C-alpha atoms as a PDB file:
ATOM      1  CA  MET A   1      -0.005   0.006  -0.002  1.00  0.00           C
ATOM      2  CA  THR A   2       1.451   3.346  -1.046  1.00  0.00           C
ATOM      3  CA  GLN A   3       0.456   6.504   0.710  1.00  0.00           C
ATOM      4  CA  GLN A   4       0.242   9.495  -1.577  1.00  0.00           C
ATOM      5  CA  ASN A   5       0.062  13.031  -0.261  1.00  0.00           C
ATOM      6  CA  ASP A   6      -1.488  15.315  -2.785  1.00  0.00           C
ATOM      7  CA  PHE A   7      -1.211  18.762  -1.291  1.00  0.00           C
ATOM      8  CA  THR A   8      -2.286  21.551  -3.563  1.00  0.00           C
ATOM      9  CA  LYS A   9      -0.821  24.892  -2.745  1.00  0.00           C
ATOM     10  CA  PRO A  10      -2.187  27.971  -4.459  1.00  0.00           C
ATOM     11  CA  SER A  11       0.650  29.538  -6.392  1.00  0.00           C
ATOM     12  CA  LEU A  12       1.237  33.242  -6.562  1.00  0.00           C
ATOM     13  CA  ASN A  13       1.860  34.076 -10.184  1.00  0.00           C
ATOM     14  CA  SER A  14       4.547  36.766 -10.429  1.00  0.00           C
ATOM     15  CA  GLY A  15       2.706  38.430 -13.317  1.00  0.00           C
ATOM     16  CA  SER A  16      -0.402  38.820 -11.215  1.00  0.00           C
ATOM     17  CA  PHE A  17       1.697  40.364  -8.447  1.00  0.00           C
ATOM     18  CA  MET A  18       3.661  42.830 -10.579  1.00  0.00           C
ATOM     19  CA  LYS A  19       0.693  44.275 -12.448  1.00  0.00           C
ATOM     20  CA  PRO A  20      -0.943  45.988  -9.419  1.00  0.00           C
ATOM     21  CA  VAL A  21       2.473  47.115  -8.184  1.00  0.00           C
ATOM     22  CA  LEU A  22       3.257  48.800 -11.498  1.00  0.00           C
ATOM     23  CA  VAL A  23      -0.223  50.307 -11.806  1.00  0.00           C
ATOM     24  CA  GLY A  24       0.031  51.695  -8.261  1.00  0.00           C
ATOM     25  CA  ALA A  25       3.469  53.183  -8.924  1.00  0.00           C
ATOM     26  CA  ALA A  26       2.403  54.679 -12.277  1.00  0.00           C
ATOM     27  CA  THR A  27      -0.698  56.247 -10.743  1.00  0.00           C
ATOM     28  CA  ALA A  28       1.358  57.737  -7.913  1.00  0.00           C
ATOM     29  CA  LEU A  29       3.911  59.060 -10.439  1.00  0.00           C
ATOM     30  CA  LEU A  30       1.135  60.809 -12.366  1.00  0.00           C
ATOM     31  CA  VAL A  31      -0.261  62.346  -9.177  1.00  0.00           C
ATOM     32  CA  ILE A  32       3.094  63.667  -7.946  1.00  0.00           C
ATOM     33  CA  SER A  33       4.064  64.856 -11.455  1.00  0.00           C
ATOM     34  CA  PHE A  34       0.988  67.063 -11.449  1.00  0.00           C
ATOM     35  CA  PHE A  35       2.321  68.845  -8.348  1.00  0.00           C
ATOM     36  CA  VAL A  36       6.058  68.812  -9.102  1.00  0.00           C
ATOM     37  CA  PHE A  37       5.993  69.939 -12.703  1.00  0.00           C
ATOM     38  CA  GLY A  38       3.312  72.517 -12.007  1.00  0.00           C
ATOM     39  CA  VAL A  39       5.790  74.735 -10.147  1.00  0.00           C
ATOM     40  CA  ASP A  40       6.870  77.625 -12.329  1.00  0.00           C
ATOM     41  CA  THR A  41       9.351  79.357 -10.047  1.00  0.00           C
ATOM     42  CA  PRO A  42      10.689  77.108  -7.248  1.00  0.00           C
ATOM     43  CA  ASP A  43      12.098  78.612  -4.099  1.00  0.00           C
ATOM     44  CA  PRO A  44      15.900  78.984  -4.482  1.00  0.00           C
ATOM     45  CA  GLU A  45      16.525  77.495  -1.035  1.00  0.00           C
ATOM     46  CA  TRP A  46      15.026  74.162  -2.173  1.00  0.00           C
ATOM     47  CA  GLY A  47      18.110  73.408  -4.275  1.00  0.00           C
ATOM     48  CA  SER A  48      18.427  72.529  -7.925  1.00  0.00           C
ATOM     49  CA  PHE A  49      17.464  68.836  -7.575  1.00  0.00           C
ATOM     50  CA  TRP A  50      14.415  69.215  -5.371  1.00  0.00           C
ATOM     51  CA  ARG A  51      12.204  67.281  -7.815  1.00  0.00           C
ATOM     52  CA  ILE A  52      14.117  64.004  -7.430  1.00  0.00           C
ATOM     53  CA  ARG A  53      12.926  63.166  -3.905  1.00  0.00           C
ATOM     54  CA  PRO A  54       9.163  63.372  -4.550  1.00  0.00           C
ATOM     55  CA  LEU A  55       9.505  61.591  -7.910  1.00  0.00           C
ATOM     56  CA  ILE A  56      11.143  58.626  -6.144  1.00  0.00           C
ATOM     57  CA  ILE A  57       9.349  58.405  -2.802  1.00  0.00           C
ATOM     58  CA  THR A  58       5.769  58.816  -3.971  1.00  0.00           C
ATOM     59  CA  PRO A  59       5.867  56.077  -6.644  1.00  0.00           C
ATOM     60  CA  LEU A  60       7.466  53.775  -4.063  1.00  0.00           C
ATOM     61  CA  ALA A  61       4.522  54.441  -1.759  1.00  0.00           C
ATOM     62  CA  GLY A  62       2.150  53.745  -4.655  1.00  0.00           C
ATOM     63  CA  ALA A  63       3.977  50.503  -5.409  1.00  0.00           C
ATOM     64  CA  MET A  64       3.550  49.454  -1.779  1.00  0.00           C
ATOM     65  CA  GLY A  65      -0.173  50.165  -2.073  1.00  0.00           C
ATOM     66  CA  GLY A  66      -0.282  48.052  -5.223  1.00  0.00           C
ATOM     67  CA  ALA A  67       1.572  45.252  -3.445  1.00  0.00           C
ATOM     68  CA  PHE A  68      -0.999  45.396  -0.659  1.00  0.00           C
ATOM     69  CA  TYR A  69      -3.761  45.103  -3.253  1.00  0.00           C
ATOM     70  CA  ALA A  70      -2.043  42.062  -4.763  1.00  0.00           C
ATOM     71  CA  PHE A  71      -1.771  40.510  -1.298  1.00  0.00           C
ATOM     72  CA  MET A  72      -5.439  41.145  -0.563  1.00  0.00           C
ATOM     73  CA  ASP A  73      -6.377  39.742  -3.975  1.00  0.00           C
ATOM     74  CA  TYR A  74      -4.439  36.600  -3.070  1.00  0.00           C
ATOM     75  CA  GLN A  75      -6.219  36.443   0.291  1.00  0.00           C
ATOM     76  CA  SER A  76      -9.619  36.821  -1.389  1.00  0.00           C
ATOM     77  CA  SER A  77      -8.820  33.836  -3.589  1.00  0.00           C
ATOM     78  CA  ARG A  78      -8.240  31.852  -0.399  1.00  0.00           C
ATOM     79  CA  GLY A  79     -11.639  32.696   1.094  1.00  0.00           C
ATOM     80  CA  PHE A  80     -11.456  36.273   2.362  1.00  0.00           C
ATOM     81  CA  ASN A  81     -14.444  38.457   1.420  1.00  0.00           C
ATOM     82  CA  ARG A  82     -13.583  40.053  -1.953  1.00  0.00           C
ATOM     83  CA  THR A  83     -15.583  43.246  -1.379  1.00  0.00           C
ATOM     84  CA  VAL A  84     -13.891  43.889   1.948  1.00  0.00           C
ATOM     85  CA  ALA A  85     -10.503  43.116   0.392  1.00  0.00           C
ATOM     86  CA  ILE A  86     -10.991  45.649  -2.409  1.00  0.00           C
ATOM     87  CA  LEU A  87     -12.311  48.372  -0.087  1.00  0.00           C
ATOM     88  CA  LEU A  88      -9.493  47.819   2.389  1.00  0.00           C
ATOM     89  CA  SER A  89      -6.965  47.902  -0.453  1.00  0.00           C
ATOM     90  CA  LEU A  90      -8.331  51.205  -1.741  1.00  0.00           C
ATOM     91  CA  VAL A  91      -8.217  52.772   1.720  1.00  0.00           C
ATOM     92  CA  VAL A  92      -4.634  51.578   2.298  1.00  0.00           C
ATOM     93  CA  TYR A  93      -3.583  52.763  -1.170  1.00  0.00           C
ATOM     94  CA  PHE A  94      -4.979  56.281  -0.758  1.00  0.00           C
ATOM     95  CA  ILE A  95      -3.555  56.665   2.744  1.00  0.00           C
ATOM     96  CA  GLY A  96      -0.189  55.433   1.485  1.00  0.00           C
ATOM     97  CA  LEU A  97      -0.361  57.770  -1.508  1.00  0.00           C
ATOM     98  CA  TRP A  98      -1.129  60.714   0.758  1.00  0.00           C
ATOM     99  CA  LEU A  99       1.720  59.836   3.153  1.00  0.00           C
ATOM    100  CA  GLY A 100       4.125  59.313   0.246  1.00  0.00           C
ATOM    101  CA  THR A 101       3.183  62.678  -1.199  1.00  0.00           C
ATOM    102  CA  VAL A 102       3.699  64.401   2.138  1.00  0.00           C
ATOM    103  CA  LEU A 103       7.022  62.637   2.710  1.00  0.00           C
ATOM    104  CA  GLY A 104       8.210  63.395  -0.809  1.00  0.00           C
ATOM    105  CA  LEU A 105       7.282  67.064  -0.676  1.00  0.00           C
ATOM    106  CA  ALA A 106       8.419  67.656   2.921  1.00  0.00           C
ATOM    107  CA  GLY A 107      10.807  70.566   3.039  1.00  0.00           C
ATOM    108  CA  THR A 108       9.790  71.930  -0.340  1.00  0.00           C
ATOM    109  CA  MET A 109       6.132  72.435  -1.243  1.00  0.00           C
ATOM    110  CA  TRP A 110       4.790  70.880   1.976  1.00  0.00           C
ATOM    111  CA  ASP A 111       5.570  72.997   5.030  1.00  0.00           C
END
């Protein structure tokens, strides 16, 4: 008699993980670009490379929000309520986007 263990483990497809991360980062980049490139005459005390910090930090925050969405999507496939997962993901994304914008613009446009 042979005992056979057939454990099925849901796999996390890397393509399904990277798509929300990239969409979250691209959305955050568009939002921060609206603020950063809308400045006509920046304050001279900000320095010449003041745009680099917000253009890096805010998309990273958006990517983290997208990663949280991918995680919640994975959890909803394992039995978590899908509506709650999407609403929670949206709340976490917008809070993260707001915090990333504040952190990116701290010391320049956000005082």
